[in-house]
Amino acid sequence: MGDSRKPFVPPNHWLVTSQIDVQSFVEAAIYEERELSSTSSPSSLPIPVIALPTPTSTFRARNLQSLSKRQLAHLSPRLGVLNNIPFAIPFDTRVSVFRTFVLNDAVATAERRSTNS
């Protein structure tokens, strides 16, 4: 049995790759995330804010829950795009941003553990 769904837009119609430089978008999103997390976290370590909830990000998530999606998008437009219209950014780009956030979270957790010991 075949796929009977008919596409109503051309492939990659929603992607904004023709309007933005994807590499600079990634760098700016990571920078914004670091800046936003350093102002909302007790330490100045670069900590991700859009990662899935994990035990290491629970404290930060509680601090950032006070921000609405609109406030987050105003403070950090690129993170707002990733949170509100992720389909506009290519999947591979979103994965690379997420992996960077996870790596930053692992580094921050290791540094917090070493300073608390």
PDB file of N, CA and C in Angstrom:
ATOM      1  N   MET A   1       0.844  -1.175   0.000  1.00  0.00           N
ATOM      2  CA  MET A   1       0.000   0.000   0.000  1.00  0.00           C
ATOM      3  C   MET A   1       0.889   1.238   0.000  1.00  0.00           C
ATOM      4  N   GLY A   2       0.637   2.159  -0.863  1.00  0.00           N
ATOM      5  CA  GLY A   2       1.453   3.354  -1.014  1.00  0.00           C
ATOM      6  C   GLY A   2       0.999   4.490  -0.115  1.00  0.00           C
ATOM      7  N   ASP A   3       1.757   5.553  -0.134  1.00  0.00           N
ATOM      8  CA  ASP A   3       1.438   6.735   0.633  1.00  0.00           C
ATOM      9  C   ASP A   3       0.471   7.573  -0.187  1.00  0.00           C
ATOM     10  N   SER A   4      -0.744   7.749   0.311  1.00  0.00           N
ATOM     11  CA  SER A   4      -1.763   8.474  -0.448  1.00  0.00           C
ATOM     12  C   SER A   4      -1.817   9.965  -0.100  1.00  0.00           C
ATOM     13  N   ARG A   5      -0.949  10.409   0.807  1.00  0.00           N
ATOM     14  CA  ARG A   5      -0.954  11.831   1.161  1.00  0.00           C
ATOM     15  C   ARG A   5      -0.361  12.657   0.029  1.00  0.00           C
ATOM     16  N   LYS A   6      -0.975  13.767  -0.251  1.00  0.00           N
ATOM     17  CA  LYS A   6      -0.487  14.652  -1.303  1.00  0.00           C
ATOM     18  C   LYS A   6       0.174  15.867  -0.651  1.00  0.00           C
ATOM     19  N   PRO A   7       1.396  16.179  -1.066  1.00  0.00           N
ATOM     20  CA  PRO A   7       2.048  17.361  -0.486  1.00  0.00           C
ATOM     21  C   PRO A   7       1.346  18.647  -0.931  1.00  0.00           C
ATOM     22  N   PHE A   8       1.201  19.585  -0.016  1.00  0.00           N
ATOM     23  CA  PHE A   8       0.561  20.852  -0.370  1.00  0.00           C
ATOM     24  C   PHE A   8       1.560  21.992  -0.492  1.00  0.00           C
ATOM     25  N   VAL A   9       2.822  21.737  -0.153  1.00  0.00           N
ATOM     26  CA  VAL A   9       3.897  22.707  -0.353  1.00  0.00           C
ATOM     27  C   VAL A   9       5.107  21.965  -0.906  1.00  0.00           C
ATOM     28  N   PRO A  10       6.000  22.666  -1.574  1.00  0.00           N
ATOM     29  CA  PRO A  10       7.201  21.999  -2.088  1.00  0.00           C
ATOM     30  C   PRO A  10       8.115  21.534  -0.947  1.00  0.00           C
ATOM     31  N   PRO A  11       8.983  20.560  -1.224  1.00  0.00           N
ATOM     32  CA  PRO A  11       9.912  20.103  -0.181  1.00  0.00           C
ATOM     33  C   PRO A  11      10.749  21.266   0.365  1.00  0.00           C
ATOM     34  N   ASN A  12      11.014  21.229   1.661  1.00  0.00           N
ATOM     35  CA  ASN A  12      11.808  22.250   2.358  1.00  0.00           C
ATOM     36  C   ASN A  12      11.197  23.649   2.303  1.00  0.00           C
ATOM     37  N   HIS A  13       9.915  23.724   2.079  1.00  0.00           N
ATOM     38  CA  HIS A  13       9.227  25.013   1.985  1.00  0.00           C
ATOM     39  C   HIS A  13       9.360  25.843   3.260  1.00  0.00           C
ATOM     40  N   TRP A  14       9.318  25.201   4.419  1.00  0.00           N
ATOM     41  CA  TRP A  14       9.309  25.917   5.688  1.00  0.00           C
ATOM     42  C   TRP A  14      10.696  26.334   6.155  1.00  0.00           C
ATOM     43  N   LEU A  15      11.735  25.797   5.558  1.00  0.00           N
ATOM     44  CA  LEU A  15      13.088  26.103   6.017  1.00  0.00           C
ATOM     45  C   LEU A  15      13.475  27.535   5.659  1.00  0.00           C
ATOM     46  N   VAL A  16      14.179  28.190   6.559  1.00  0.00           N
ATOM     47  CA  VAL A  16      14.593  29.569   6.349  1.00  0.00           C
ATOM     48  C   VAL A  16      16.064  29.660   5.934  1.00  0.00           C
ATOM     49  N   THR A  17      16.588  28.600   5.390  1.00  0.00           N
ATOM     50  CA  THR A  17      18.009  28.568   5.052  1.00  0.00           C
ATOM     51  C   THR A  17      18.386  29.583   3.979  1.00  0.00           C
ATOM     52  N   SER A  18      17.447  29.981   3.154  1.00  0.00           N
ATOM     53  CA  SER A  18      17.776  30.978   2.137  1.00  0.00           C
ATOM     54  C   SER A  18      17.807  32.393   2.717  1.00  0.00           C
ATOM     55  N   GLN A  19      17.187  32.596   3.881  1.00  0.00           N
ATOM     56  CA  GLN A  19      17.140  33.920   4.492  1.00  0.00           C
ATOM     57  C   GLN A  19      18.219  34.147   5.551  1.00  0.00           C
ATOM     58  N   ILE A  20      18.806  33.068   6.075  1.00  0.00           N
ATOM     59  CA  ILE A  20      19.805  33.223   7.131  1.00  0.00           C
ATOM     60  C   ILE A  20      21.033  32.383   6.816  1.00  0.00           C
ATOM     61  N   ASP A  21      22.140  32.771   7.414  1.00  0.00           N
ATOM     62  CA  ASP A  21      23.349  31.962   7.354  1.00  0.00           C
ATOM     63  C   ASP A  21      23.255  30.979   8.512  1.00  0.00           C
ATOM     64  N   VAL A  22      23.141  29.696   8.202  1.00  0.00           N
ATOM     65  CA  VAL A  22      22.888  28.690   9.220  1.00  0.00           C
ATOM     66  C   VAL A  22      24.023  28.624  10.240  1.00  0.00           C
ATOM     67  N   GLN A  23      25.264  28.707   9.801  1.00  0.00           N
ATOM     68  CA  GLN A  23      26.386  28.634  10.736  1.00  0.00           C
ATOM     69  C   GLN A  23      26.364  29.793  11.729  1.00  0.00           C
ATOM     70  N   SER A  24      26.096  30.995  11.257  1.00  0.00           N
ATOM     71  CA  SER A  24      26.035  32.128  12.187  1.00  0.00           C
ATOM     72  C   SER A  24      24.821  32.010  13.104  1.00  0.00           C
ATOM     73  N   PHE A  25      23.728  31.409  12.619  1.00  0.00           N
ATOM     74  CA  PHE A  25      22.552  31.176  13.454  1.00  0.00           C
ATOM     75  C   PHE A  25      22.913  30.259  14.617  1.00  0.00           C
ATOM     76  N   VAL A  26      23.624  29.173  14.325  1.00  0.00           N
ATOM     77  CA  VAL A  26      24.033  28.220  15.358  1.00  0.00           C
ATOM     78  C   VAL A  26      24.926  28.905  16.383  1.00  0.00           C
ATOM     79  N   GLU A  27      25.933  29.628  15.917  1.00  0.00           N
ATOM     80  CA  GLU A  27      26.848  30.309  16.832  1.00  0.00           C
ATOM     81  C   GLU A  27      26.106  31.321  17.705  1.00  0.00           C
ATOM     82  N   ALA A  28      25.186  32.068  17.097  1.00  0.00           N
ATOM     83  CA  ALA A  28      24.436  33.071  17.859  1.00  0.00           C
ATOM     84  C   ALA A  28      23.488  32.411  18.853  1.00  0.00           C
ATOM     85  N   ALA A  29      22.868  31.305  18.479  1.00  0.00           N
ATOM     86  CA  ALA A  29      21.960  30.601  19.389  1.00  0.00           C
ATOM     87  C   ALA A  29      22.727  30.083  20.600  1.00  0.00           C
ATOM     88  N   ILE A  30      23.904  29.537  20.375  1.00  0.00           N
ATOM     89  CA  ILE A  30      24.713  29.030  21.479  1.00  0.00           C
ATOM     90  C   ILE A  30      25.166  30.189  22.373  1.00  0.00           C
ATOM     91  N   TYR A  31      25.565  31.292  21.758  1.00  0.00           N
ATOM     92  CA  TYR A  31      25.966  32.471  22.531  1.00  0.00           C
ATOM     93  C   TYR A  31      24.796  32.993  23.371  1.00  0.00           C
ATOM     94  N   GLU A  32      23.615  33.122  22.754  1.00  0.00           N
ATOM     95  CA  GLU A  32      22.444  33.619  23.472  1.00  0.00           C
ATOM     96  C   GLU A  32      22.089  32.704  24.628  1.00  0.00           C
ATOM     97  N   GLU A  33      22.195  31.408  24.391  1.00  0.00           N
ATOM     98  CA  GLU A  33      21.886  30.445  25.443  1.00  0.00           C
ATOM     99  C   GLU A  33      22.842  30.608  26.608  1.00  0.00           C
ATOM    100  N   ARG A  34      24.110  30.778  26.316  1.00  0.00           N
ATOM    101  CA  ARG A  34      25.102  30.967  27.383  1.00  0.00           C
ATOM    102  C   ARG A  34      24.836  32.253  28.151  1.00  0.00           C
ATOM    103  N   GLU A  35      24.538  33.323  27.439  1.00  0.00           N
ATOM    104  CA  GLU A  35      24.257  34.601  28.099  1.00  0.00           C
ATOM    105  C   GLU A  35      22.998  34.509  28.958  1.00  0.00           C
ATOM    106  N   LEU A  36      21.963  33.914  28.421  1.00  0.00           N
ATOM    107  CA  LEU A  36      20.709  33.807  29.151  1.00  0.00           C
ATOM    108  C   LEU A  36      20.870  32.920  30.372  1.00  0.00           C
ATOM    109  N   SER A  37      21.570  31.807  30.224  1.00  0.00           N
ATOM    110  CA  SER A  37      21.736  30.897  31.360  1.00  0.00           C
ATOM    111  C   SER A  37      22.661  31.486  32.408  1.00  0.00           C
ATOM    112  N   SER A  38      23.628  32.309  32.003  1.00  0.00           N
ATOM    113  CA  SER A  38      24.527  32.896  32.996  1.00  0.00           C
ATOM    114  C   SER A  38      23.822  33.964  33.820  1.00  0.00           C
ATOM    115  N   THR A  39      22.792  34.592  33.276  1.00  0.00           N
ATOM    116  CA  THR A  39      22.059  35.598  34.048  1.00  0.00           C
ATOM    117  C   THR A  39      20.972  34.983  34.897  1.00  0.00           C
ATOM    118  N   SER A  40      20.531  33.757  34.573  1.00  0.00           N
ATOM    119  CA  SER A  40      19.446  33.152  35.342  1.00  0.00           C
ATOM    120  C   SER A  40      19.934  32.045  36.246  1.00  0.00           C
ATOM    121  N   SER A  41      21.221  31.767  36.244  1.00  0.00           N
ATOM    122  CA  SER A  41      21.788  30.690  37.035  1.00  0.00           C
ATOM    123  C   SER A  41      22.728  31.291  38.065  1.00  0.00           C
ATOM    124  N   PRO A  42      22.890  30.642  39.213  1.00  0.00           N
ATOM    125  CA  PRO A  42      23.755  31.213  40.229  1.00  0.00           C
ATOM    126  C   PRO A  42      25.217  31.264  39.819  1.00  0.00           C
ATOM    127  N   SER A  43      25.634  30.440  38.897  1.00  0.00           N
ATOM    128  CA  SER A  43      27.019  30.499  38.434  1.00  0.00           C
ATOM    129  C   SER A  43      27.056  31.060  37.034  1.00  0.00           C
ATOM    130  N   SER A  44      28.229  31.390  36.565  1.00  0.00           N
ATOM    131  CA  SER A  44      28.349  31.959  35.221  1.00  0.00           C
ATOM    132  C   SER A  44      28.753  30.905  34.203  1.00  0.00           C
ATOM    133  N   LEU A  45      28.552  29.637  34.524  1.00  0.00           N
ATOM    134  CA  LEU A  45      28.902  28.573  33.595  1.00  0.00           C
ATOM    135  C   LEU A  45      27.915  28.524  32.450  1.00  0.00           C
ATOM    136  N   PRO A  46      28.367  28.186  31.250  1.00  0.00           N
ATOM    137  CA  PRO A  46      27.451  28.078  30.121  1.00  0.00           C
ATOM    138  C   PRO A  46      26.576  26.837  30.249  1.00  0.00           C
ATOM    139  N   ILE A  47      25.282  27.059  30.491  1.00  0.00           N
ATOM    140  CA  ILE A  47      24.366  25.952  30.729  1.00  0.00           C
ATOM    141  C   ILE A  47      23.227  26.031  29.725  1.00  0.00           C
ATOM    142  N   PRO A  48      22.881  24.921  29.055  1.00  0.00           N
ATOM    143  CA  PRO A  48      21.828  24.955  28.055  1.00  0.00           C
ATOM    144  C   PRO A  48      20.452  25.202  28.651  1.00  0.00           C
ATOM    145  N   VAL A  49      19.573  25.830  27.875  1.00  0.00           N
ATOM    146  CA  VAL A  49      18.235  26.105  28.358  1.00  0.00           C
ATOM    147  C   VAL A  49      17.162  25.380  27.568  1.00  0.00           C
ATOM    148  N   ILE A  50      17.485  24.814  26.422  1.00  0.00           N
ATOM    149  CA  ILE A  50      16.438  24.113  25.695  1.00  0.00           C
ATOM    150  C   ILE A  50      16.622  22.615  25.715  1.00  0.00           C
ATOM    151  N   ALA A  51      17.553  22.125  26.463  1.00  0.00           N
ATOM    152  CA  ALA A  51      17.747  20.685  26.531  1.00  0.00           C
ATOM    153  C   ALA A  51      16.554  20.043  27.234  1.00  0.00           C
ATOM    154  N   LEU A  52      16.337  18.768  26.968  1.00  0.00           N
ATOM    155  CA  LEU A  52      15.286  18.049  27.651  1.00  0.00           C
ATOM    156  C   LEU A  52      15.594  18.019  29.142  1.00  0.00           C
ATOM    157  N   PRO A  53      14.556  17.994  29.986  1.00  0.00           N
ATOM    158  CA  PRO A  53      14.803  18.012  31.418  1.00  0.00           C
ATOM    159  C   PRO A  53      15.653  16.816  31.856  1.00  0.00           C
ATOM    160  N   THR A  54      16.693  17.094  32.582  1.00  0.00           N
ATOM    161  CA  THR A  54      17.559  16.063  33.143  1.00  0.00           C
ATOM    162  C   THR A  54      17.787  16.416  34.593  1.00  0.00           C
ATOM    163  N   PRO A  55      18.265  15.466  35.398  1.00  0.00           N
ATOM    164  CA  PRO A  55      18.514  15.802  36.798  1.00  0.00           C
ATOM    165  C   PRO A  55      19.476  16.982  36.952  1.00  0.00           C
ATOM    166  N   THR A  56      20.436  17.134  36.032  1.00  0.00           N
ATOM    167  CA  THR A  56      21.406  18.219  36.162  1.00  0.00           C
ATOM    168  C   THR A  56      20.832  19.572  35.758  1.00  0.00           C
ATOM    169  N   SER A  57      19.731  19.565  35.011  1.00  0.00           N
ATOM    170  CA  SER A  57      19.177  20.840  34.561  1.00  0.00           C
ATOM    171  C   SER A  57      17.905  21.217  35.311  1.00  0.00           C
ATOM    172  N   THR A  58      17.542  20.473  36.359  1.00  0.00           N
ATOM    173  CA  THR A  58      16.296  20.722  37.068  1.00  0.00           C
ATOM    174  C   THR A  58      16.284  22.098  37.729  1.00  0.00           C
ATOM    175  N   PHE A  59      17.373  22.469  38.421  1.00  0.00           N
ATOM    176  CA  PHE A  59      17.428  23.765  39.087  1.00  0.00           C
ATOM    177  C   PHE A  59      17.271  24.892  38.084  1.00  0.00           C
ATOM    178  N   ARG A  60      17.993  24.806  36.975  1.00  0.00           N
ATOM    179  CA  ARG A  60      17.946  25.834  35.943  1.00  0.00           C
ATOM    180  C   ARG A  60      16.555  25.905  35.325  1.00  0.00           C
ATOM    181  N   ALA A  61      15.944  24.750  35.122  1.00  0.00           N
ATOM    182  CA  ALA A  61      14.612  24.730  34.525  1.00  0.00           C
ATOM    183  C   ALA A  61      13.614  25.451  35.422  1.00  0.00           C
ATOM    184  N   ARG A  62      13.746  25.288  36.729  1.00  0.00           N
ATOM    185  CA  ARG A  62      12.842  25.996  37.648  1.00  0.00           C
ATOM    186  C   ARG A  62      13.013  27.506  37.529  1.00  0.00           C
ATOM    187  N   ASN A  63      14.266  27.969  37.391  1.00  0.00           N
ATOM    188  CA  ASN A  63      14.516  29.402  37.238  1.00  0.00           C
ATOM    189  C   ASN A  63      13.940  29.929  35.935  1.00  0.00           C
ATOM    190  N   LEU A  64      14.059  29.159  34.867  1.00  0.00           N
ATOM    191  CA  LEU A  64      13.629  29.629  33.557  1.00  0.00           C
ATOM    192  C   LEU A  64      12.147  29.431  33.302  1.00  0.00           C
ATOM    193  N   GLN A  65      11.461  28.646  34.134  1.00  0.00           N
ATOM    194  CA  GLN A  65      10.035  28.453  33.943  1.00  0.00           C
ATOM    195  C   GLN A  65       9.268  29.737  34.187  1.00  0.00           C
ATOM    196  N   SER A  66       9.861  30.655  34.920  1.00  0.00           N
ATOM    197  CA  SER A  66       9.194  31.924  35.162  1.00  0.00           C
ATOM    198  C   SER A  66       9.131  32.773  33.895  1.00  0.00           C
ATOM    199  N   LEU A  67       9.968  32.453  32.903  1.00  0.00           N
ATOM    200  CA  LEU A  67       9.931  33.160  31.628  1.00  0.00           C
ATOM    201  C   LEU A  67       8.926  32.488  30.700  1.00  0.00           C
ATOM    202  N   SER A  68       8.034  33.281  30.128  1.00  0.00           N
ATOM    203  CA  SER A  68       7.110  32.724  29.145  1.00  0.00           C
ATOM    204  C   SER A  68       7.848  32.534  27.826  1.00  0.00           C
ATOM    205  N   LYS A  69       7.226  31.812  26.903  1.00  0.00           N
ATOM    206  CA  LYS A  69       7.851  31.618  25.596  1.00  0.00           C
ATOM    207  C   LYS A  69       8.049  32.964  24.897  1.00  0.00           C
ATOM    208  N   ARG A  70       7.124  33.872  25.085  1.00  0.00           N
ATOM    209  CA  ARG A  70       7.239  35.194  24.465  1.00  0.00           C
ATOM    210  C   ARG A  70       8.416  35.966  25.053  1.00  0.00           C
ATOM    211  N   GLN A  71       8.578  35.915  26.375  1.00  0.00           N
ATOM    212  CA  GLN A  71       9.701  36.600  27.015  1.00  0.00           C
ATOM    213  C   GLN A  71      11.029  35.994  26.581  1.00  0.00           C
ATOM    214  N   LEU A  72      11.081  34.651  26.494  1.00  0.00           N
ATOM    215  CA  LEU A  72      12.301  33.984  26.053  1.00  0.00           C
ATOM    216  C   LEU A  72      12.635  34.386  24.621  1.00  0.00           C
ATOM    217  N   ALA A  73      11.625  34.441  23.752  1.00  0.00           N
ATOM    218  CA  ALA A  73      11.856  34.836  22.364  1.00  0.00           C
ATOM    219  C   ALA A  73      12.325  36.286  22.275  1.00  0.00           C
ATOM    220  N   HIS A  74      11.835  37.142  23.173  1.00  0.00           N
ATOM    221  CA  HIS A  74      12.268  38.546  23.170  1.00  0.00           C
ATOM    222  C   HIS A  74      13.719  38.664  23.643  1.00  0.00           C
ATOM    223  N   LEU A  75      14.067  37.915  24.689  1.00  0.00           N
ATOM    224  CA  LEU A  75      15.429  37.965  25.217  1.00  0.00           C
ATOM    225  C   LEU A  75      16.424  37.288  24.283  1.00  0.00           C
ATOM    226  N   SER A  76      15.981  36.266  23.616  1.00  0.00           N
ATOM    227  CA  SER A  76      16.857  35.479  22.770  1.00  0.00           C
ATOM    228  C   SER A  76      16.105  35.048  21.520  1.00  0.00           C
ATOM    229  N   PRO A  77      16.149  35.838  20.471  1.00  0.00           N
ATOM    230  CA  PRO A  77      15.362  35.537  19.271  1.00  0.00           C
ATOM    231  C   PRO A  77      15.668  34.173  18.658  1.00  0.00           C
ATOM    232  N   ARG A  78      16.935  33.773  18.646  1.00  0.00           N
ATOM    233  CA  ARG A  78      17.267  32.495  18.013  1.00  0.00           C
ATOM    234  C   ARG A  78      16.762  31.327  18.832  1.00  0.00           C
ATOM    235  N   LEU A  79      16.849  31.430  20.155  1.00  0.00           N
ATOM    236  CA  LEU A  79      16.277  30.383  20.992  1.00  0.00           C
ATOM    237  C   LEU A  79      14.761  30.376  20.866  1.00  0.00           C
ATOM    238  N   GLY A  80      14.180  31.552  20.663  1.00  0.00           N
ATOM    239  CA  GLY A  80      12.739  31.630  20.432  1.00  0.00           C
ATOM    240  C   GLY A  80      12.343  30.904  19.163  1.00  0.00           C
ATOM    241  N   VAL A  81      13.141  31.049  18.117  1.00  0.00           N
ATOM    242  CA  VAL A  81      12.872  30.325  16.869  1.00  0.00           C
ATOM    243  C   VAL A  81      12.973  28.828  17.116  1.00  0.00           C
ATOM    244  N   LEU A  82      14.013  28.400  17.811  1.00  0.00           N
ATOM    245  CA  LEU A  82      14.188  26.969  18.085  1.00  0.00           C
ATOM    246  C   LEU A  82      13.061  26.419  18.953  1.00  0.00           C
ATOM    247  N   ASN A  83      12.532  27.223  19.857  1.00  0.00           N
ATOM    248  CA  ASN A  83      11.448  26.765  20.727  1.00  0.00           C
ATOM    249  C   ASN A  83      10.088  26.826  20.057  1.00  0.00           C
ATOM    250  N   ASN A  84       9.828  27.872  19.288  1.00  0.00           N
ATOM    251  CA  ASN A  84       8.477  28.105  18.771  1.00  0.00           C
ATOM    252  C   ASN A  84       8.244  27.601  17.358  1.00  0.00           C
ATOM    253  N   ILE A  85       9.233  27.694  16.500  1.00  0.00           N
ATOM    254  CA  ILE A  85       9.065  27.198  15.127  1.00  0.00           C
ATOM    255  C   ILE A  85      10.290  26.397  14.702  1.00  0.00           C
ATOM    256  N   PRO A  86      10.551  25.298  15.393  1.00  0.00           N
ATOM    257  CA  PRO A  86      11.762  24.528  15.104  1.00  0.00           C
ATOM    258  C   PRO A  86      11.808  23.977  13.682  1.00  0.00           C
ATOM    259  N   PHE A  87      10.660  23.753  13.069  1.00  0.00           N
ATOM    260  CA  PHE A  87      10.622  23.210  11.708  1.00  0.00           C
ATOM    261  C   PHE A  87      11.218  24.154  10.673  1.00  0.00           C
ATOM    262  N   ALA A  88      11.441  25.417  11.047  1.00  0.00           N
ATOM    263  CA  ALA A  88      12.029  26.380  10.116  1.00  0.00           C
ATOM    264  C   ALA A  88      13.546  26.229  10.012  1.00  0.00           C
ATOM    265  N   ILE A  89      14.132  25.500  10.940  1.00  0.00           N
ATOM    266  CA  ILE A  89      15.575  25.260  10.951  1.00  0.00           C
ATOM    267  C   ILE A  89      15.805  23.812  10.539  1.00  0.00           C
ATOM    268  N   PRO A  90      16.755  23.562   9.654  1.00  0.00           N
ATOM    269  CA  PRO A  90      17.005  22.182   9.215  1.00  0.00           C
ATOM    270  C   PRO A  90      17.288  21.247  10.397  1.00  0.00           C
ATOM    271  N   PHE A  91      16.836  20.018  10.267  1.00  0.00           N
ATOM    272  CA  PHE A  91      16.972  19.037  11.338  1.00  0.00           C
ATOM    273  C   PHE A  91      18.423  18.867  11.775  1.00  0.00           C
ATOM    274  N   ASP A  92      19.335  18.739  10.840  1.00  0.00           N
ATOM    275  CA  ASP A  92      20.751  18.544  11.182  1.00  0.00           C
ATOM    276  C   ASP A  92      21.294  19.718  11.996  1.00  0.00           C
ATOM    277  N   THR A  93      20.841  20.908  11.686  1.00  0.00           N
ATOM    278  CA  THR A  93      21.268  22.094  12.427  1.00  0.00           C
ATOM    279  C   THR A  93      20.735  22.052  13.851  1.00  0.00           C
ATOM    280  N   ARG A  94      19.452  21.697  14.007  1.00  0.00           N
ATOM    281  CA  ARG A  94      18.876  21.585  15.350  1.00  0.00           C
ATOM    282  C   ARG A  94      19.598  20.529  16.171  1.00  0.00           C
ATOM    283  N   VAL A  95      19.956  19.425  15.542  1.00  0.00           N
ATOM    284  CA  VAL A  95      20.675  18.366  16.250  1.00  0.00           C
ATOM    285  C   VAL A  95      22.044  18.866  16.704  1.00  0.00           C
ATOM    286  N   SER A  96      22.746  19.594  15.851  1.00  0.00           N
ATOM    287  CA  SER A  96      24.076  20.089  16.244  1.00  0.00           C
ATOM    288  C   SER A  96      23.967  21.089  17.391  1.00  0.00           C
ATOM    289  N   VAL A  97      22.944  21.939  17.389  1.00  0.00           N
ATOM    290  CA  VAL A  97      22.740  22.882  18.489  1.00  0.00           C
ATOM    291  C   VAL A  97      22.438  22.107  19.775  1.00  0.00           C
ATOM    292  N   PHE A  98      21.563  21.126  19.686  1.00  0.00           N
ATOM    293  CA  PHE A  98      21.206  20.338  20.858  1.00  0.00           C
ATOM    294  C   PHE A  98      22.431  19.611  21.417  1.00  0.00           C
ATOM    295  N   ARG A  99      23.237  19.035  20.546  1.00  0.00           N
ATOM    296  CA  ARG A  99      24.437  18.335  21.001  1.00  0.00           C
ATOM    297  C   ARG A  99      25.404  19.293  21.706  1.00  0.00           C
ATOM    298  N   THR A 100      25.496  20.502  21.202  1.00  0.00           N
ATOM    299  CA  THR A 100      26.346  21.499  21.859  1.00  0.00           C
ATOM    300  C   THR A 100      25.801  21.836  23.234  1.00  0.00           C
ATOM    301  N   PHE A 101      24.477  21.991  23.346  1.00  0.00           N
ATOM    302  CA  PHE A 101      23.871  22.262  24.639  1.00  0.00           C
ATOM    303  C   PHE A 101      24.141  21.117  25.613  1.00  0.00           C
ATOM    304  N   VAL A 102      24.034  19.889  25.142  1.00  0.00           N
ATOM    305  CA  VAL A 102      24.292  18.728  26.000  1.00  0.00           C
ATOM    306  C   VAL A 102      25.746  18.713  26.448  1.00  0.00           C
ATOM    307  N   LEU A 103      26.656  18.992  25.531  1.00  0.00           N
ATOM    308  CA  LEU A 103      28.080  19.041  25.874  1.00  0.00           C
ATOM    309  C   LEU A 103      28.347  20.138  26.907  1.00  0.00           C
ATOM    310  N   ASN A 104      27.775  21.319  26.692  1.00  0.00           N
ATOM    311  CA  ASN A 104      27.940  22.420  27.652  1.00  0.00           C
ATOM    312  C   ASN A 104      27.379  22.037  29.017  1.00  0.00           C
ATOM    313  N   ASP A 105      26.258  21.347  29.033  1.00  0.00           N
ATOM    314  CA  ASP A 105      25.653  20.918  30.287  1.00  0.00           C
ATOM    315  C   ASP A 105      26.549  19.918  31.006  1.00  0.00           C
ATOM    316  N   ALA A 106      27.143  18.991  30.264  1.00  0.00           N
ATOM    317  CA  ALA A 106      28.045  18.007  30.869  1.00  0.00           C
ATOM    318  C   ALA A 106      29.271  18.694  31.466  1.00  0.00           C
ATOM    319  N   VAL A 107      29.821  19.661  30.752  1.00  0.00           N
ATOM    320  CA  VAL A 107      30.991  20.401  31.259  1.00  0.00           C
ATOM    321  C   VAL A 107      30.610  21.181  32.511  1.00  0.00           C
ATOM    322  N   ALA A 108      29.482  21.855  32.473  1.00  0.00           N
ATOM    323  CA  ALA A 108      29.047  22.651  33.625  1.00  0.00           C
ATOM    324  C   ALA A 108      28.775  21.761  34.836  1.00  0.00           C
ATOM    325  N   THR A 109      28.181  20.605  34.607  1.00  0.00           N
ATOM    326  CA  THR A 109      27.911  19.674  35.699  1.00  0.00           C
ATOM    327  C   THR A 109      29.208  19.165  36.311  1.00  0.00           C
ATOM    328  N   ALA A 110      30.161  18.802  35.472  1.00  0.00           N
ATOM    329  CA  ALA A 110      31.458  18.323  35.966  1.00  0.00           C
ATOM    330  C   ALA A 110      32.166  19.411  36.769  1.00  0.00           C
ATOM    331  N   GLU A 111      32.105  20.648  36.284  1.00  0.00           N
ATOM    332  CA  GLU A 111      32.747  21.756  37.011  1.00  0.00           C
ATOM    333  C   GLU A 111      32.052  22.027  38.341  1.00  0.00           C
ATOM    334  N   ARG A 112      30.715  21.948  38.352  1.00  0.00           N
ATOM    335  CA  ARG A 112      29.973  22.145  39.600  1.00  0.00           C
ATOM    336  C   ARG A 112      30.313  21.048  40.612  1.00  0.00           C
ATOM    337  N   ARG A 113      30.402  19.823  40.149  1.00  0.00           N
ATOM    338  CA  ARG A 113      30.737  18.707  41.041  1.00  0.00           C
ATOM    339  C   ARG A 113      32.145  18.843  41.597  1.00  0.00           C
ATOM    340  N   SER A 114      33.077  19.294  40.764  1.00  0.00           N
ATOM    341  CA  SER A 114      34.458  19.425  41.238  1.00  0.00           C
ATOM    342  C   SER A 114      34.601  20.576  42.231  1.00  0.00           C
ATOM    343  N   THR A 115      33.819  21.627  42.082  1.00  0.00           N
ATOM    344  CA  THR A 115      33.895  22.745  43.034  1.00  0.00           C
ATOM    345  C   THR A 115      33.136  22.445  44.314  1.00  0.00           C
ATOM    346  N   ASN A 116      32.122  21.577  44.244  1.00  0.00           N
ATOM    347  CA  ASN A 116      31.362  21.211  45.450  1.00  0.00           C
ATOM    348  C   ASN A 116      32.053  20.145  46.263  1.00  0.00           C
ATOM    349  N   SER A 117      33.021  19.466  45.720  1.00  0.00           N
ATOM    350  CA  SER A 117      33.698  18.375  46.442  1.00  0.00           C
ATOM    351  C   SER A 117      34.740  18.894  47.393  1.00  0.00           C
TER     352      SER A 117
END
